Protein backbone atom coordinates (compact mmCIF):
# COMPACT_ATOMS: atom_id res chain seq x y z
CA MET A 1 -20.72 -23.15 3.14
CA CYS A 2 -23.78 -21.42 2.04
CA GLY A 3 -24.45 -20.29 5.54
CA LEU A 4 -24.44 -23.98 7.10
CA GLU A 5 -23.29 -24.77 10.39
CA LEU A 6 -21.29 -27.80 10.04
CA PRO A 7 -19.92 -30.39 12.76
CA THR A 8 -16.78 -30.22 14.18
CA ASP A 9 -14.49 -32.94 14.67
CA PRO A 10 -11.10 -32.99 16.06
CA ASN A 11 -10.00 -35.52 13.35
CA LEU A 12 -11.16 -33.08 10.39
CA LEU A 13 -7.94 -31.11 9.71
CA VAL A 14 -8.98 -29.33 6.73
CA GLY A 15 -12.59 -28.24 6.20
CA THR A 16 -14.15 -25.43 4.58
CA GLU A 17 -12.49 -22.79 6.45
CA THR A 18 -10.16 -21.45 4.53
CA SER A 19 -11.54 -22.22 0.98
CA ASP A 20 -8.67 -25.23 0.66
CA ASP A 21 -8.71 -27.51 -2.16
CA ALA A 22 -9.84 -30.66 -0.50
CA GLY A 23 -11.01 -31.84 3.05
CA VAL A 24 -8.93 -33.80 4.98
CA TYR A 25 -9.51 -36.15 7.77
CA ARG A 26 -7.15 -37.99 10.20
CA LEU A 27 -7.68 -41.86 10.63
CA ASN A 28 -4.89 -42.14 12.83
CA ASP A 29 -1.28 -40.67 13.52
CA ASN A 30 0.02 -41.94 10.46
CA CYS A 31 -2.92 -41.52 7.97
CA ALA A 32 -5.22 -38.84 6.86
CA LEU A 33 -7.93 -39.26 4.13
CA ILE A 34 -8.26 -36.07 1.13
CA GLN A 35 -11.80 -36.10 -0.13
CA THR A 36 -12.64 -33.78 -3.22
CA VAL A 37 -14.96 -33.85 -6.36
CA ASP A 38 -15.09 -31.78 -9.32
CA PHE A 39 -16.34 -32.03 -12.74
CA PHE A 40 -17.40 -29.56 -15.71
CA THR A 41 -18.45 -29.22 -19.28
CA PRO A 42 -16.30 -29.99 -22.13
CA ILE A 43 -13.86 -27.36 -22.86
CA VAL A 44 -12.24 -29.24 -26.46
CA ASP A 45 -14.44 -31.23 -29.11
CA ASP A 46 -12.43 -34.30 -28.82
CA PRO A 47 -14.33 -36.93 -26.22
CA TYR A 48 -11.19 -38.97 -25.25
CA ASP A 49 -9.12 -35.61 -24.60
CA PHE A 50 -12.07 -33.75 -22.77
CA GLY A 51 -11.88 -37.39 -20.76
CA ARG A 52 -8.38 -36.92 -19.85
CA ILE A 53 -8.52 -32.97 -19.07
CA ALA A 54 -11.45 -33.38 -16.36
CA ALA A 55 -9.67 -36.37 -14.60
CA ALA A 56 -6.28 -34.54 -14.28
CA ASN A 57 -8.15 -31.31 -12.93
CA SER A 58 -10.23 -33.33 -10.37
CA LEU A 59 -6.96 -35.17 -9.43
CA SER A 60 -5.22 -32.04 -8.97
CA ASP A 61 -6.70 -31.33 -5.38
CA VAL A 62 -5.13 -34.29 -3.87
CA TYR A 63 -1.63 -33.09 -5.13
CA ALA A 64 -2.49 -29.55 -4.01
CA MET A 65 -2.75 -31.06 -0.55
CA GLY A 66 0.90 -32.85 -0.70
CA GLY A 67 -1.41 -36.24 -1.51
CA LYS A 68 -1.42 -39.26 -3.34
CA PRO A 69 -4.59 -40.27 -5.11
CA LEU A 70 -5.89 -43.60 -4.09
CA LEU A 71 -9.52 -44.44 -5.40
CA CYS A 72 -11.85 -42.45 -8.00
CA MET A 73 -15.33 -42.68 -9.12
CA ASN A 74 -16.61 -41.06 -12.08
CA ILE A 75 -19.30 -38.45 -12.06
CA LEU A 76 -21.08 -38.05 -15.61
CA ALA A 77 -24.29 -36.21 -16.96
CA CYS A 78 -25.39 -37.79 -20.57
CA PRO A 79 -27.20 -35.89 -23.11
CA ALA A 80 -28.48 -39.49 -23.99
CA LYS A 81 -31.16 -38.30 -26.41
CA SER A 82 -29.14 -36.23 -28.40
CA MET A 83 -25.49 -37.60 -28.56
CA ASP A 84 -24.33 -40.89 -29.62
CA PRO A 85 -23.33 -43.55 -26.70
CA SER A 86 -19.84 -43.85 -28.19
CA VAL A 87 -19.10 -40.38 -26.91
CA PHE A 88 -19.86 -41.09 -23.41
CA ARG A 89 -17.44 -44.38 -23.55
CA ARG A 90 -14.54 -42.20 -25.00
CA VAL A 91 -14.90 -39.60 -22.36
CA LEU A 92 -14.69 -42.34 -19.88
CA GLU A 93 -11.51 -44.01 -21.18
CA GLY A 94 -10.02 -40.66 -21.57
CA GLY A 95 -10.49 -40.51 -17.76
CA LEU A 96 -9.42 -43.84 -16.80
CA ALA A 97 -6.08 -43.78 -18.93
CA VAL A 98 -5.40 -40.39 -16.46
CA ILE A 99 -6.33 -41.98 -13.68
CA ARG A 100 -4.34 -45.38 -14.38
CA GLU A 101 -1.32 -42.48 -14.87
CA ALA A 102 -1.95 -41.18 -11.43
CA GLY A 103 -1.43 -44.71 -9.99
CA ALA A 104 -5.11 -44.68 -8.63
CA LEU A 105 -7.66 -46.86 -9.10
CA LEU A 106 -11.51 -46.40 -10.89
CA VAL A 107 -14.11 -47.88 -8.17
CA GLY A 108 -17.19 -47.15 -9.71
CA GLY A 109 -19.28 -43.83 -10.23
CA HIS A 110 -22.53 -42.19 -11.31
CA SER A 111 -23.88 -41.01 -14.51
CA ILE A 112 -27.45 -39.30 -15.18
CA GLU A 113 -29.43 -37.78 -18.01
CA ASP A 114 -29.06 -34.36 -18.75
CA PRO A 115 -29.32 -32.20 -21.88
CA GLU A 116 -25.64 -31.03 -21.50
CA LEU A 117 -22.32 -33.53 -21.31
CA LYS A 118 -20.41 -33.16 -18.00
CA TYR A 119 -17.83 -35.14 -16.52
CA GLY A 120 -15.34 -35.42 -13.68
CA LEU A 121 -14.30 -37.23 -10.62
CA SER A 122 -14.77 -37.88 -6.78
CA VAL A 123 -11.43 -38.57 -5.23
CA THR A 124 -9.87 -40.28 -2.37
CA GLY A 125 -6.37 -39.70 -1.48
CA LEU A 126 -3.82 -40.39 1.00
CA VAL A 127 -1.55 -38.02 3.21
CA HIS A 128 0.35 -38.12 6.54
CA PRO A 129 -1.58 -36.13 8.85
CA GLN A 130 2.04 -34.08 9.41
CA ARG A 131 2.57 -33.32 5.94
CA VAL A 132 -0.73 -32.19 4.82
CA LEU A 133 0.13 -28.75 2.48
CA ARG A 134 -2.52 -25.94 2.88
CA ASN A 135 -3.34 -22.80 1.36
CA SER A 136 -2.86 -21.18 4.77
CA GLY A 137 0.81 -21.48 5.66
CA ALA A 138 2.32 -18.81 3.28
CA LEU A 139 5.32 -16.71 5.07
CA PRO A 140 7.01 -13.63 4.40
CA GLY A 141 10.33 -14.14 3.04
CA ASP A 142 8.62 -17.04 0.95
CA VAL A 143 8.78 -17.35 -2.93
CA LEU A 144 5.99 -18.30 -5.05
CA VAL A 145 6.42 -20.94 -7.70
CA LEU A 146 3.67 -21.93 -10.23
CA THR A 147 4.35 -25.10 -12.26
CA LYS A 148 2.36 -24.44 -15.35
CA PRO A 149 1.36 -21.62 -17.78
CA LEU A 150 -1.40 -19.21 -17.75
CA GLY A 151 -3.98 -18.47 -20.53
CA THR A 152 -5.42 -21.67 -20.69
CA GLY A 153 -9.05 -20.35 -20.34
CA ILE A 154 -8.21 -17.75 -23.33
CA LEU A 155 -6.89 -20.52 -25.58
CA ALA A 156 -9.75 -23.03 -24.81
CA THR A 157 -12.14 -20.18 -25.94
CA ALA A 158 -10.38 -19.35 -28.85
CA ILE A 159 -10.62 -22.71 -29.82
CA LYS A 160 -14.44 -23.20 -29.15
CA GLY A 161 -14.74 -20.24 -31.56
CA GLY A 162 -12.47 -21.83 -34.06
CA LEU A 163 -10.21 -19.20 -33.70
CA ALA A 164 -6.92 -21.48 -32.84
CA SER A 165 -5.00 -23.78 -35.06
CA ALA A 166 -4.82 -27.31 -34.49
CA ALA A 167 -1.34 -27.15 -33.37
CA THR A 168 -2.44 -24.91 -30.99
CA GLU A 169 -5.29 -27.05 -29.43
CA ARG A 170 -2.96 -30.02 -29.33
CA GLN A 171 -0.63 -28.15 -27.46
CA LEU A 172 -3.33 -26.72 -25.05
CA VAL A 173 -4.60 -30.38 -24.64
CA ASP A 174 -1.21 -31.69 -23.66
CA LEU A 175 -0.48 -29.12 -21.01
CA LEU A 176 -4.32 -29.63 -19.54
CA ALA A 177 -3.94 -33.18 -19.35
CA THR A 178 -0.35 -32.97 -17.49
CA LEU A 179 -0.79 -34.45 -13.97
CA ASN A 180 0.44 -32.16 -10.92
CA ARG A 181 1.91 -35.29 -10.03
CA LEU A 182 5.56 -35.27 -10.53
CA PRO A 183 6.16 -31.81 -8.90
CA MET A 184 4.43 -32.90 -5.77
CA GLU A 185 6.01 -36.35 -5.82
CA ILE A 186 9.47 -34.79 -5.98
CA ILE A 187 8.51 -32.58 -3.01
CA VAL A 188 7.06 -35.13 -0.57
CA ALA A 189 10.02 -37.69 -1.76
CA ASN A 190 12.61 -35.13 0.01
CA GLU A 191 11.87 -34.29 3.35
CA ALA A 192 14.24 -31.15 3.37
CA LEU A 193 12.52 -30.04 0.30
CA LEU A 194 9.31 -30.32 2.15
CA SER A 195 10.12 -28.85 5.21
CA GLY A 196 10.72 -25.41 2.68
CA VAL A 197 7.59 -25.69 1.65
CA HIS A 198 4.65 -23.81 3.46
CA SER A 199 1.94 -23.47 1.69
CA CYS A 200 0.36 -24.87 -1.96
CA THR A 201 -2.96 -24.23 -4.08
CA ASP A 202 -3.96 -25.36 -7.57
CA ILE A 203 -4.68 -22.58 -10.16
CA THR A 204 -8.00 -23.44 -11.74
CA GLY A 205 -11.33 -21.81 -12.01
CA PHE A 206 -10.80 -18.30 -10.07
CA GLY A 207 -7.82 -17.61 -12.21
CA LEU A 208 -4.16 -16.62 -10.56
CA PHE A 209 -5.32 -13.24 -8.91
CA GLY A 210 -8.50 -15.61 -6.83
CA HIS A 211 -6.44 -18.50 -5.81
CA GLY A 212 -3.56 -16.17 -5.01
CA HIS A 213 -5.77 -14.04 -2.76
CA GLU A 214 -7.45 -17.07 -0.91
CA MET A 215 -3.75 -18.30 -0.34
CA ALA A 216 -2.52 -14.65 1.11
CA ARG A 217 -5.77 -13.92 3.03
CA ALA A 218 -5.56 -17.57 4.79
CA SER A 219 -2.09 -17.09 5.48
CA GLY A 220 -2.55 -13.20 6.72
CA VAL A 221 0.17 -12.14 4.10
CA SER A 222 0.21 -9.99 1.25
CA ILE A 223 1.60 -11.56 -2.03
CA VAL A 224 3.79 -9.75 -4.99
CA LEU A 225 4.02 -11.06 -8.52
CA ASP A 226 6.50 -9.77 -10.85
CA ARG A 227 4.74 -9.32 -14.39
CA GLU A 228 8.03 -10.35 -16.34
CA ALA A 229 8.12 -13.59 -14.76
CA LEU A 230 4.94 -14.72 -15.09
CA PRO A 231 4.66 -18.09 -17.99
CA ILE A 232 2.01 -17.37 -20.37
CA MET A 233 0.79 -19.51 -23.29
CA PRO A 234 1.54 -18.59 -26.42
CA GLN A 235 -0.89 -16.31 -28.49
CA ALA A 236 -2.98 -15.98 -24.93
CA LEU A 237 -1.82 -12.08 -24.86
CA GLY A 238 -2.30 -11.40 -28.71
CA LEU A 239 -5.97 -13.41 -28.34
CA ALA A 240 -6.72 -11.12 -25.03
CA ASP A 241 -5.77 -7.83 -26.94
CA VAL A 242 -8.28 -8.78 -29.66
CA GLY A 243 -11.13 -9.51 -26.93
CA ILE A 244 -11.14 -13.42 -26.82
CA ILE A 245 -11.70 -13.50 -23.11
CA PRO A 246 -13.87 -16.18 -21.61
CA GLU A 247 -16.93 -14.79 -19.26
CA GLY A 248 -15.66 -16.27 -16.28
CA THR A 249 -12.47 -13.74 -16.39
CA TYR A 250 -15.20 -10.93 -16.21
CA ARG A 251 -16.84 -12.53 -13.13
CA ASN A 252 -13.63 -13.11 -11.61
CA ARG A 253 -12.41 -9.35 -12.27
CA ASP A 254 -15.54 -8.35 -10.61
CA HIS A 255 -15.28 -10.31 -7.35
CA TYR A 256 -11.15 -10.49 -6.84
CA GLN A 257 -10.56 -6.74 -8.12
CA GLN A 258 -10.97 -4.92 -4.92
CA TRP A 259 -7.72 -7.09 -3.58
CA VAL A 260 -5.53 -6.42 -6.84
CA ARG A 261 -3.10 -3.63 -7.40
CA PHE A 262 -1.12 -2.57 -10.32
CA ASP A 263 2.27 -0.83 -10.17
CA PRO A 264 2.25 1.17 -12.67
CA ALA A 265 -1.55 0.71 -13.50
CA GLU A 266 -2.64 -2.06 -15.43
CA THR A 267 -5.71 -2.11 -17.58
CA GLY A 268 -4.60 -4.59 -20.47
CA SER A 269 -4.61 -8.23 -21.34
CA LEU A 270 -1.85 -8.78 -18.58
CA GLU A 271 -4.59 -8.18 -15.89
CA MET A 272 -6.85 -10.30 -17.82
CA LEU A 273 -4.59 -13.38 -17.70
CA GLY A 274 -4.67 -13.09 -14.16
CA TYR A 275 -8.07 -13.18 -13.94
CA ASP A 276 -8.63 -15.96 -16.56
CA PRO A 277 -10.05 -19.09 -15.03
CA GLN A 278 -7.81 -21.95 -15.70
CA THR A 279 -8.97 -25.94 -16.18
CA SER A 280 -6.03 -28.05 -14.65
CA GLY A 281 -4.05 -25.37 -13.65
CA GLY A 282 -0.59 -25.58 -12.02
CA LEU A 283 0.60 -25.66 -8.30
CA LEU A 284 1.24 -22.10 -6.66
CA LEU A 285 3.67 -22.99 -3.83
CA ALA A 286 4.88 -20.57 -1.27
CA MET A 287 8.65 -21.95 -0.44
CA THR A 288 12.04 -21.05 0.71
CA ARG A 289 14.21 -19.65 -2.32
CA ASP A 290 16.49 -22.53 -1.86
CA ALA A 291 13.86 -25.15 -2.05
CA ALA A 292 12.30 -23.37 -5.09
CA MET A 293 15.54 -23.60 -7.01
CA ARG A 294 16.02 -27.37 -5.76
CA LEU A 295 12.48 -28.08 -7.06
CA GLN A 296 12.97 -26.32 -10.35
CA ASP A 297 16.40 -27.96 -10.86
CA GLU A 298 14.62 -31.54 -10.35
CA LEU A 299 11.88 -31.25 -12.52
CA GLY A 300 14.46 -29.90 -15.51
CA ARG A 301 16.30 -33.29 -14.63
CA GLN A 302 13.29 -35.33 -14.74
CA GLY A 303 11.88 -33.93 -18.00
CA TYR A 304 9.18 -31.81 -16.95
CA LEU A 305 7.85 -30.18 -19.77
CA PRO A 306 5.25 -27.22 -18.72
CA GLU A 307 7.09 -23.57 -17.79
CA CYS A 308 7.91 -24.08 -13.90
CA ARG A 309 8.89 -20.38 -12.84
CA VAL A 310 9.35 -18.29 -9.35
CA ILE A 311 6.43 -15.49 -10.34
CA GLY A 312 6.78 -13.70 -6.84
CA GLU A 313 7.02 -13.62 -3.07
CA VAL A 314 5.45 -13.53 -0.06
CA LEU A 315 4.89 -9.82 1.96
CA ALA A 316 4.00 -9.09 5.43
CA GLY A 317 1.37 -6.69 4.67
CA GLU A 318 -2.63 -6.31 4.23
CA PRO A 319 -4.08 -9.91 4.07
CA GLY A 320 -5.11 -11.08 0.96
CA LEU A 321 -4.00 -7.94 -1.21
CA ILE A 322 -2.11 -9.24 -4.23
CA ARG A 323 0.33 -6.78 -6.30
CA LEU A 324 1.53 -7.20 -9.71
CA ALA A 325 4.52 -5.29 -10.26
């Protein structure tokens, strides 16, 4: 973390060593705290929807650790000299709606004056110390499950440029505001299912390839992704084909391409989908095939709307390597 030597504590179960989604601190044998923070600039025009999306994104890190959100604090940057205060209120109302949906409590926050609107949450969650999910436990033979489709960065870019329909924007907003709550609650509520989950992370700013690489490297394994199985938002590939690609996609490719292989060689839009930065993306789970099937069945039974698919498998091999086949 910026070259800093951080203090050690035996109760710090998860710190910065494996680029995990949140920190975890053990309070006692039965309870540990999860701590995370996230905020960003608007990706949609409607302030209420922006608040919902930003809150869902912040809460996602707690679910990725196997936990339950407990307390939230608002983080708000306000361009008070150039924007109507009613906009800020709508942002906070959207965030509060999702916090309540998560069953958490809003206990305060902090705001500053800033030329650009920004919003997010600091979130505290709870998890049993023996049930913490990390990005470092994937095992050879596991399958990889993704609980939301890809392409949200590309669609958000198209919306900003006025190149997507109102129906597409509504579809995107509904997906991004969907909490990762239900998949994780199903897993945690079933001891047999939980025991089959070996690793978890959520797919956000580094894209599928970036977060997949972090999981594979931390676990000492490689992964292979099935190009035919990847869930992709409607229109995302077509938009990428005509160059509607966010700048962050290129930054991700520049950094992570050294660990990504294509079979056969891939230079088109599907490659860019793998690097596309996601907001409030799905959970990426490494788990036994039986557990994956049971999770998919239960999500279907409970009416979970986003596409949830098995997208690949974990292999023994060069740590951190990703192959798209």
